PDB file of all heavy atoms in Angstrom:
ATOM      1  N   ILE A   1      89.226 173.459 119.152  1.00  0.00           N
ATOM      2  CA  ILE A   1      90.596 173.807 119.393  1.00  0.00           C
ATOM      3  C   ILE A   1      90.684 174.009 120.940  1.00  0.00           C
ATOM      4  O   ILE A   1      89.998 174.858 121.489  1.00  0.00           O
ATOM      5  CB  ILE A   1      91.022 175.050 118.661  1.00  0.00           C
ATOM      6  CG1 ILE A   1      90.867 174.868 117.154  1.00  0.00           C
ATOM      7  CG2 ILE A   1      92.533 175.450 119.011  1.00  0.00           C
ATOM      8  CD1 ILE A   1      91.059 176.105 116.363  1.00  0.00           C
ATOM      9  N   GLU A   2      91.662 173.239 121.507  1.00  0.00           N
ATOM     10  CA  GLU A   2      91.977 173.422 122.922  1.00  0.00           C
ATOM     11  C   GLU A   2      93.217 174.253 123.003  1.00  0.00           C
ATOM     12  O   GLU A   2      94.281 173.938 122.470  1.00  0.00           O
ATOM     13  CB  GLU A   2      92.238 172.080 123.585  1.00  0.00           C
ATOM     14  CG  GLU A   2      92.564 172.271 125.053  1.00  0.00           C
ATOM     15  CD  GLU A   2      92.750 170.969 125.762  1.00  0.00           C
ATOM     16  OE1 GLU A   2      92.656 169.886 125.095  1.00  0.00           O
ATOM     17  OE2 GLU A   2      93.202 170.984 126.970  1.00  0.00           O
ATOM     18  N   LEU A   3      93.116 175.381 123.577  1.00  0.00           N
ATOM     19  CA  LEU A   3      94.262 176.342 123.713  1.00  0.00           C
ATOM     20  C   LEU A   3      94.804 176.190 125.141  1.00  0.00           C
ATOM     21  O   LEU A   3      94.140 176.626 126.096  1.00  0.00           O
ATOM     22  CB  LEU A   3      93.796 177.832 123.416  1.00  0.00           C
ATOM     23  CG  LEU A   3      94.933 178.820 123.424  1.00  0.00           C
ATOM     24  CD1 LEU A   3      95.939 178.489 122.382  1.00  0.00           C
ATOM     25  CD2 LEU A   3      94.277 180.182 123.166  1.00  0.00           C
ATOM     26  N   GLY A   4      96.006 175.652 125.252  1.00  0.00           N
ATOM     27  CA  GLY A   4      96.580 175.396 126.600  1.00  0.00           C
ATOM     28  C   GLY A   4      97.297 176.641 127.135  1.00  0.00           C
ATOM     29  O   GLY A   4      97.931 177.428 126.371  1.00  0.00           O
ATOM     30  N   MET A   5      97.015 176.924 128.364  1.00  0.00           N
ATOM     31  CA  MET A   5      97.731 178.012 129.030  1.00  0.00           C
ATOM     32  C   MET A   5      98.981 177.529 129.640  1.00  0.00           C
ATOM     33  O   MET A   5      98.978 176.645 130.413  1.00  0.00           O
ATOM     34  CB  MET A   5      96.785 178.581 130.130  1.00  0.00           C
ATOM     35  CG  MET A   5      97.338 179.647 131.005  1.00  0.00           C
ATOM     36  SD  MET A   5      97.804 181.140 130.066  1.00  0.00           S
ATOM     37  CE  MET A   5      99.219 181.623 131.035  1.00  0.00           C
ATOM     38  N   PRO A   6     100.174 178.113 129.198  1.00  0.00           N
ATOM     39  CA  PRO A   6     101.364 177.671 129.763  1.00  0.00           C
ATOM     40  C   PRO A   6     101.493 177.983 131.233  1.00  0.00           C
ATOM     41  O   PRO A   6     101.029 179.059 131.686  1.00  0.00           O
ATOM     42  CB  PRO A   6     102.402 178.383 128.954  1.00  0.00           C
ATOM     43  CG  PRO A   6     101.738 179.545 128.419  1.00  0.00           C
ATOM     44  CD  PRO A   6     100.313 179.169 128.220  1.00  0.00           C
ATOM     45  N   PHE A   7     102.099 177.106 131.974  1.00  0.00           N
ATOM     46  CA  PHE A   7     102.358 177.353 133.432  1.00  0.00           C
ATOM     47  C   PHE A   7     103.674 176.711 133.814  1.00  0.00           C
ATOM     48  O   PHE A   7     104.257 175.930 133.058  1.00  0.00           O
ATOM     49  CB  PHE A   7     101.169 176.857 134.287  1.00  0.00           C
ATOM     50  CG  PHE A   7     100.805 175.383 134.211  1.00  0.00           C
ATOM     51  CD1 PHE A   7     101.273 174.509 135.151  1.00  0.00           C
ATOM     52  CD2 PHE A   7     100.080 174.925 133.142  1.00  0.00           C
ATOM     53  CE1 PHE A   7     100.986 173.145 135.041  1.00  0.00           C
ATOM     54  CE2 PHE A   7      99.772 173.596 133.023  1.00  0.00           C
ATOM     55  CZ  PHE A   7     100.231 172.695 133.937  1.00  0.00           C
ATOM     56  N   THR A   8     104.137 177.028 134.998  1.00  0.00           N
ATOM     57  CA  THR A   8     105.514 176.763 135.366  1.00  0.00           C
ATOM     58  C   THR A   8     105.829 175.287 135.711  1.00  0.00           C
ATOM     59  O   THR A   8     106.986 174.859 135.605  1.00  0.00           O
ATOM     60  CB  THR A   8     105.969 177.575 136.553  1.00  0.00           C
ATOM     61  OG1 THR A   8     105.069 177.342 137.614  1.00  0.00           O
ATOM     62  CG2 THR A   8     105.903 179.074 136.190  1.00  0.00           C
ATOM     63  N   ASP A   9     104.801 174.515 135.982  1.00  0.00           N
ATOM     64  CA  ASP A   9     105.098 173.088 136.360  1.00  0.00           C
ATOM     65  C   ASP A   9     104.146 172.067 135.783  1.00  0.00           C
ATOM     66  O   ASP A   9     103.294 171.454 136.478  1.00  0.00           O
ATOM     67  CB  ASP A   9     105.059 173.018 137.930  1.00  0.00           C
ATOM     68  CG  ASP A   9     105.590 171.697 138.527  1.00  0.00           C
ATOM     69  OD1 ASP A   9     106.399 171.045 137.768  1.00  0.00           O
ATOM     70  OD2 ASP A   9     105.231 171.293 139.624  1.00  0.00           O
ATOM     71  N   PRO A  10     104.174 171.916 134.475  1.00  0.00           N
ATOM     72  CA  PRO A  10     103.192 171.070 133.782  1.00  0.00           C
ATOM     73  C   PRO A  10     103.615 169.555 133.767  1.00  0.00           C
ATOM     74  O   PRO A  10     103.601 168.901 132.731  1.00  0.00           O
ATOM     75  CB  PRO A  10     103.167 171.617 132.389  1.00  0.00           C
ATOM     76  CG  PRO A  10     104.540 172.052 132.156  1.00  0.00           C
ATOM     77  CD  PRO A  10     105.078 172.579 133.564  1.00  0.00           C
ATOM     78  N   MET A  11     104.048 169.055 134.930  1.00  0.00           N
ATOM     79  CA  MET A  11     104.611 167.624 134.944  1.00  0.00           C
ATOM     80  C   MET A  11     103.656 166.538 134.320  1.00  0.00           C
ATOM     81  O   MET A  11     104.136 165.693 133.642  1.00  0.00           O
ATOM     82  CB  MET A  11     104.939 167.231 136.399  1.00  0.00           C
ATOM     83  CG  MET A  11     106.023 168.154 137.004  1.00  0.00           C
ATOM     84  SD  MET A  11     107.522 168.167 136.070  1.00  0.00           S
ATOM     85  CE  MET A  11     108.112 166.511 136.309  1.00  0.00           C
ATOM     86  N   ALA A  12     102.387 166.672 134.473  1.00  0.00           N
ATOM     87  CA  ALA A  12     101.491 165.579 133.941  1.00  0.00           C
ATOM     88  C   ALA A  12     101.251 165.733 132.458  1.00  0.00           C
ATOM     89  O   ALA A  12     100.704 164.781 131.858  1.00  0.00           O
ATOM     90  CB  ALA A  12     100.190 165.664 134.651  1.00  0.00           C
ATOM     91  N   ASP A  13     101.683 166.805 131.833  1.00  0.00           N
ATOM     92  CA  ASP A  13     101.429 167.043 130.398  1.00  0.00           C
ATOM     93  C   ASP A  13     102.435 166.385 129.480  1.00  0.00           C
ATOM     94  O   ASP A  13     102.167 166.274 128.273  1.00  0.00           O
ATOM     95  CB  ASP A  13     101.408 168.494 130.087  1.00  0.00           C
ATOM     96  CG  ASP A  13     100.209 169.171 130.664  1.00  0.00           C
ATOM     97  OD1 ASP A  13      99.147 168.504 130.917  1.00  0.00           O
ATOM     98  OD2 ASP A  13     100.269 170.421 130.923  1.00  0.00           O
ATOM     99  N   GLY A  14     103.485 165.854 129.980  1.00  0.00           N
ATOM    100  CA  GLY A  14     104.495 165.171 129.077  1.00  0.00           C
ATOM    101  C   GLY A  14     105.456 166.128 128.479  1.00  0.00           C
ATOM    102  O   GLY A  14     105.242 167.342 128.499  1.00  0.00           O
ATOM    103  N   PRO A  15     106.516 165.592 127.892  1.00  0.00           N
ATOM    104  CA  PRO A  15     107.648 166.446 127.463  1.00  0.00           C
ATOM    105  C   PRO A  15     107.295 167.427 126.331  1.00  0.00           C
ATOM    106  O   PRO A  15     107.795 168.539 126.355  1.00  0.00           O
ATOM    107  CB  PRO A  15     108.724 165.420 127.065  1.00  0.00           C
ATOM    108  CG  PRO A  15     108.002 164.139 126.883  1.00  0.00           C
ATOM    109  CD  PRO A  15     106.838 164.117 127.792  1.00  0.00           C
ATOM    110  N   THR A  16     106.522 167.072 125.426  1.00  0.00           N
ATOM    111  CA  THR A  16     106.204 167.937 124.282  1.00  0.00           C
ATOM    112  C   THR A  16     105.440 169.170 124.715  1.00  0.00           C
ATOM    113  O   THR A  16     105.820 170.269 124.428  1.00  0.00           O
ATOM    114  CB  THR A  16     105.376 167.174 123.248  1.00  0.00           C
ATOM    115  OG1 THR A  16     106.063 166.087 122.829  1.00  0.00           O
ATOM    116  CG2 THR A  16     105.014 168.127 122.094  1.00  0.00           C
ATOM    117  N   ILE A  17     104.441 169.019 125.585  1.00  0.00           N
ATOM    118  CA  ILE A  17     103.701 170.155 126.098  1.00  0.00           C
ATOM    119  C   ILE A  17     104.445 170.918 127.111  1.00  0.00           C
ATOM    120  O   ILE A  17     104.382 172.154 127.215  1.00  0.00           O
ATOM    121  CB  ILE A  17     102.241 169.689 126.608  1.00  0.00           C
ATOM    122  CG1 ILE A  17     101.434 169.168 125.418  1.00  0.00           C
ATOM    123  CG2 ILE A  17     101.556 170.849 127.270  1.00  0.00           C
ATOM    124  CD1 ILE A  17     100.116 168.500 125.815  1.00  0.00           C
ATOM    125  N   GLN A  18     105.311 170.188 127.913  1.00  0.00           N
ATOM    126  CA  GLN A  18     106.161 170.924 128.827  1.00  0.00           C
ATOM    127  C   GLN A  18     107.006 171.843 128.151  1.00  0.00           C
ATOM    128  O   GLN A  18     107.230 173.030 128.579  1.00  0.00           O
ATOM    129  CB  GLN A  18     107.000 169.942 129.615  1.00  0.00           C
ATOM    130  CG  GLN A  18     106.197 169.092 130.709  1.00  0.00           C
ATOM    131  CD  GLN A  18     107.058 168.005 131.295  1.00  0.00           C
ATOM    132  OE1 GLN A  18     108.222 167.966 131.093  1.00  0.00           O
ATOM    133  NE2 GLN A  18     106.409 167.176 132.069  1.00  0.00           N
ATOM    134  N   LEU A  19     107.670 171.366 127.064  1.00  0.00           N
ATOM    135  CA  LEU A  19     108.614 172.258 126.267  1.00  0.00           C
ATOM    136  C   LEU A  19     107.853 173.392 125.600  1.00  0.00           C
ATOM    137  O   LEU A  19     108.375 174.560 125.619  1.00  0.00           O
ATOM    138  CB  LEU A  19     109.403 171.438 125.293  1.00  0.00           C
ATOM    139  CG  LEU A  19     110.398 170.430 125.869  1.00  0.00           C
ATOM    140  CD1 LEU A  19     110.904 169.582 124.745  1.00  0.00           C
ATOM    141  CD2 LEU A  19     111.503 171.197 126.539  1.00  0.00           C
ATOM    142  N   ALA A  20     106.724 173.170 125.071  1.00  0.00           N
ATOM    143  CA  ALA A  20     105.852 174.253 124.512  1.00  0.00           C
ATOM    144  C   ALA A  20     105.536 175.248 125.561  1.00  0.00           C
ATOM    145  O   ALA A  20     105.671 176.487 125.330  1.00  0.00           O
ATOM    146  CB  ALA A  20     104.668 173.646 123.920  1.00  0.00           C
ATOM    147  N   GLY A  21     105.215 174.877 126.754  1.00  0.00           N
ATOM    148  CA  GLY A  21     104.906 175.853 127.789  1.00  0.00           C
ATOM    149  C   GLY A  21     106.166 176.607 128.266  1.00  0.00           C
ATOM    150  O   GLY A  21     106.012 177.789 128.469  1.00  0.00           O
ATOM    151  N   GLN A  22     107.314 175.990 128.307  1.00  0.00           N
ATOM    152  CA  GLN A  22     108.511 176.643 128.671  1.00  0.00           C
ATOM    153  C   GLN A  22     108.902 177.733 127.640  1.00  0.00           C
ATOM    154  O   GLN A  22     109.216 178.791 127.927  1.00  0.00           O
ATOM    155  CB  GLN A  22     109.672 175.594 128.841  1.00  0.00           C
ATOM    156  CG  GLN A  22     109.469 174.749 130.083  1.00  0.00           C
ATOM    157  CD  GLN A  22     110.452 173.658 130.097  1.00  0.00           C
ATOM    158  OE1 GLN A  22     111.304 173.488 129.255  1.00  0.00           O
ATOM    159  NE2 GLN A  22     110.488 172.882 131.194  1.00  0.00           N
ATOM    160  N   ARG A  23     108.679 177.379 126.339  1.00  0.00           N
ATOM    161  CA  ARG A  23     108.977 178.348 125.265  1.00  0.00           C
ATOM    162  C   ARG A  23     108.022 179.553 125.343  1.00  0.00           C
ATOM    163  O   ARG A  23     108.426 180.645 125.252  1.00  0.00           O
ATOM    164  CB  ARG A  23     108.890 177.689 123.896  1.00  0.00           C
ATOM    165  CG  ARG A  23     110.036 176.723 123.553  1.00  0.00           C
ATOM    166  CD  ARG A  23     109.935 176.292 122.071  1.00  0.00           C
ATOM    167  NE  ARG A  23     108.672 175.582 121.813  1.00  0.00           N
ATOM    168  CZ  ARG A  23     108.562 174.200 121.796  1.00  0.00           C
ATOM    169  NH1 ARG A  23     109.567 173.426 122.179  1.00  0.00           N
ATOM    170  NH2 ARG A  23     107.353 173.659 121.458  1.00  0.00           N
ATOM    171  N   ALA A  24     106.751 179.187 125.611  1.00  0.00           N
ATOM    172  CA  ALA A  24     105.761 180.263 125.718  1.00  0.00           C
ATOM    173  C   ALA A  24     106.092 181.245 126.873  1.00  0.00           C
ATOM    174  O   ALA A  24     105.958 182.504 126.702  1.00  0.00           O
ATOM    175  CB  ALA A  24     104.429 179.674 125.821  1.00  0.00           C
ATOM    176  N   LEU A  25     106.333 180.628 128.013  1.00  0.00           N
ATOM    177  CA  LEU A  25     106.608 181.493 129.189  1.00  0.00           C
ATOM    178  C   LEU A  25     107.889 182.314 128.967  1.00  0.00           C
ATOM    179  O   LEU A  25     107.969 183.489 129.398  1.00  0.00           O
ATOM    180  CB  LEU A  25     106.803 180.575 130.475  1.00  0.00           C
ATOM    181  CG  LEU A  25     105.484 179.962 130.911  1.00  0.00           C
ATOM    182  CD1 LEU A  25     105.767 178.977 132.050  1.00  0.00           C
ATOM    183  CD2 LEU A  25     104.502 181.025 131.370  1.00  0.00           C
ATOM    184  N   ALA A  26     108.923 181.636 128.375  1.00  0.00           N
ATOM    185  CA  ALA A  26     110.222 182.402 128.136  1.00  0.00           C
ATOM    186  C   ALA A  26     109.936 183.582 127.151  1.00  0.00           C
ATOM    187  O   ALA A  26     110.603 184.539 127.137  1.00  0.00           O
ATOM    188  CB  ALA A  26     111.191 181.471 127.506  1.00  0.00           C
ATOM    189  N   GLY A  27     108.926 183.362 126.236  1.00  0.00           N
ATOM    190  CA  GLY A  27     108.571 184.462 125.328  1.00  0.00           C
ATOM    191  C   GLY A  27     107.621 185.512 125.869  1.00  0.00           C
ATOM    192  O   GLY A  27     107.236 186.396 125.173  1.00  0.00           O
ATOM    193  N   GLY A  28     107.255 185.381 127.130  1.00  0.00           N
ATOM    194  CA  GLY A  28     106.448 186.369 127.784  1.00  0.00           C
ATOM    195  C   GLY A  28     104.945 186.134 127.801  1.00  0.00           C
ATOM    196  O   GLY A  28     104.187 187.053 128.134  1.00  0.00           O
ATOM    197  N   GLN A  29     104.544 184.892 127.536  1.00  0.00           N
ATOM    198  CA  GLN A  29     103.092 184.590 127.446  1.00  0.00           C
ATOM    199  C   GLN A  29     102.519 184.746 128.908  1.00  0.00           C
ATOM    200  O   GLN A  29     103.167 184.249 129.909  1.00  0.00           O
ATOM    201  CB  GLN A  29     102.797 183.295 126.911  1.00  0.00           C
ATOM    202  CG  GLN A  29     101.305 182.971 126.707  1.00  0.00           C
ATOM    203  CD  GLN A  29     100.737 183.789 125.554  1.00  0.00           C
ATOM    204  OE1 GLN A  29     101.461 184.329 124.744  1.00  0.00           O
ATOM    205  NE2 GLN A  29      99.478 184.031 125.610  1.00  0.00           N
ATOM    206  N   THR A  30     101.319 185.327 129.118  1.00  0.00           N
ATOM    207  CA  THR A  30     100.660 185.448 130.345  1.00  0.00           C
ATOM    208  C   THR A  30      99.257 185.121 130.206  1.00  0.00           C
ATOM    209  O   THR A  30      98.699 184.898 129.096  1.00  0.00           O
ATOM    210  CB  THR A  30     100.726 187.026 130.867  1.00  0.00           C
ATOM    211  OG1 THR A  30      99.999 187.735 129.906  1.00  0.00           O
ATOM    212  CG2 THR A  30     102.122 187.467 130.941  1.00  0.00           C
ATOM    213  N   LEU A  31      98.585 184.910 131.315  1.00  0.00           N
ATOM    214  CA  LEU A  31      97.125 184.589 131.322  1.00  0.00           C
ATOM    215  C   LEU A  31      96.452 185.709 130.584  1.00  0.00           C
ATOM    216  O   LEU A  31      95.480 185.466 129.737  1.00  0.00           O
ATOM    217  CB  LEU A  31      96.614 184.468 132.712  1.00  0.00           C
ATOM    218  CG  LEU A  31      95.070 184.193 132.835  1.00  0.00           C
ATOM    219  CD1 LEU A  31      94.691 182.920 132.062  1.00  0.00           C
ATOM    220  CD2 LEU A  31      94.709 184.108 134.277  1.00  0.00           C
ATOM    221  N   GLN A  32      96.650 186.933 130.841  1.00  0.00           N
ATOM    222  CA  GLN A  32      96.042 188.098 130.266  1.00  0.00           C
ATOM    223  C   GLN A  32      96.158 188.094 128.678  1.00  0.00           C
ATOM    224  O   GLN A  32      95.292 188.250 127.970  1.00  0.00           O
ATOM    225  CB  GLN A  32      96.391 189.415 130.798  1.00  0.00           C
ATOM    226  CG  GLN A  32      95.565 190.605 130.295  1.00  0.00           C
ATOM    227  CD  GLN A  32      94.143 190.313 130.634  1.00  0.00           C
ATOM    228  OE1 GLN A  32      93.729 190.194 131.851  1.00  0.00           O
ATOM    229  NE2 GLN A  32      93.209 190.357 129.642  1.00  0.00           N
ATOM    230  N   LYS A  33      97.481 187.838 128.292  1.00  0.00           N
ATOM    231  CA  LYS A  33      97.730 187.759 126.844  1.00  0.00           C
ATOM    232  C   LYS A  33      96.902 186.646 126.128  1.00  0.00           C
ATOM    233  O   LYS A  33      96.425 186.713 125.041  1.00  0.00           O
ATOM    234  CB  LYS A  33      99.179 187.593 126.612  1.00  0.00           C
ATOM    235  CG  LYS A  33     100.027 188.794 126.819  1.00  0.00           C
ATOM    236  CD  LYS A  33     101.492 188.522 126.519  1.00  0.00           C
ATOM    237  CE  LYS A  33     102.349 189.785 126.846  1.00  0.00           C
ATOM    238  NZ  LYS A  33     103.815 189.496 126.520  1.00  0.00           N
ATOM    239  N   THR A  34      96.786 185.514 126.905  1.00  0.00           N
ATOM    240  CA  THR A  34      96.050 184.355 126.354  1.00  0.00           C
ATOM    241  C   THR A  34      94.586 184.676 126.272  1.00  0.00           C
ATOM    242  O   THR A  34      93.946 184.413 125.247  1.00  0.00           O
ATOM    243  CB  THR A  34      96.213 183.126 127.296  1.00  0.00           C
ATOM    244  OG1 THR A  34      97.666 182.829 127.300  1.00  0.00           O
ATOM    245  CG2 THR A  34      95.498 181.956 126.722  1.00  0.00           C
ATOM    246  N   LEU A  35      93.972 185.317 127.281  1.00  0.00           N
ATOM    247  CA  LEU A  35      92.569 185.718 127.243  1.00  0.00           C
ATOM    248  C   LEU A  35      92.312 186.710 126.205  1.00  0.00           C
ATOM    249  O   LEU A  35      91.299 186.586 125.405  1.00  0.00           O
ATOM    250  CB  LEU A  35      92.139 186.202 128.622  1.00  0.00           C
ATOM    251  CG  LEU A  35      92.204 185.233 129.773  1.00  0.00           C
ATOM    252  CD1 LEU A  35      91.885 185.855 131.118  1.00  0.00           C
ATOM    253  CD2 LEU A  35      91.238 184.050 129.489  1.00  0.00           C
TER     254      LEU A  35
END
């Protein structure tokens, strides 16, 4: 399982992962929460 860390500018990841990252960040996901 690859667990992606959302970040603010995931241009190379494509629209699906970009939107997932945006939703995660909007929901308050942080590096510390991920770890």
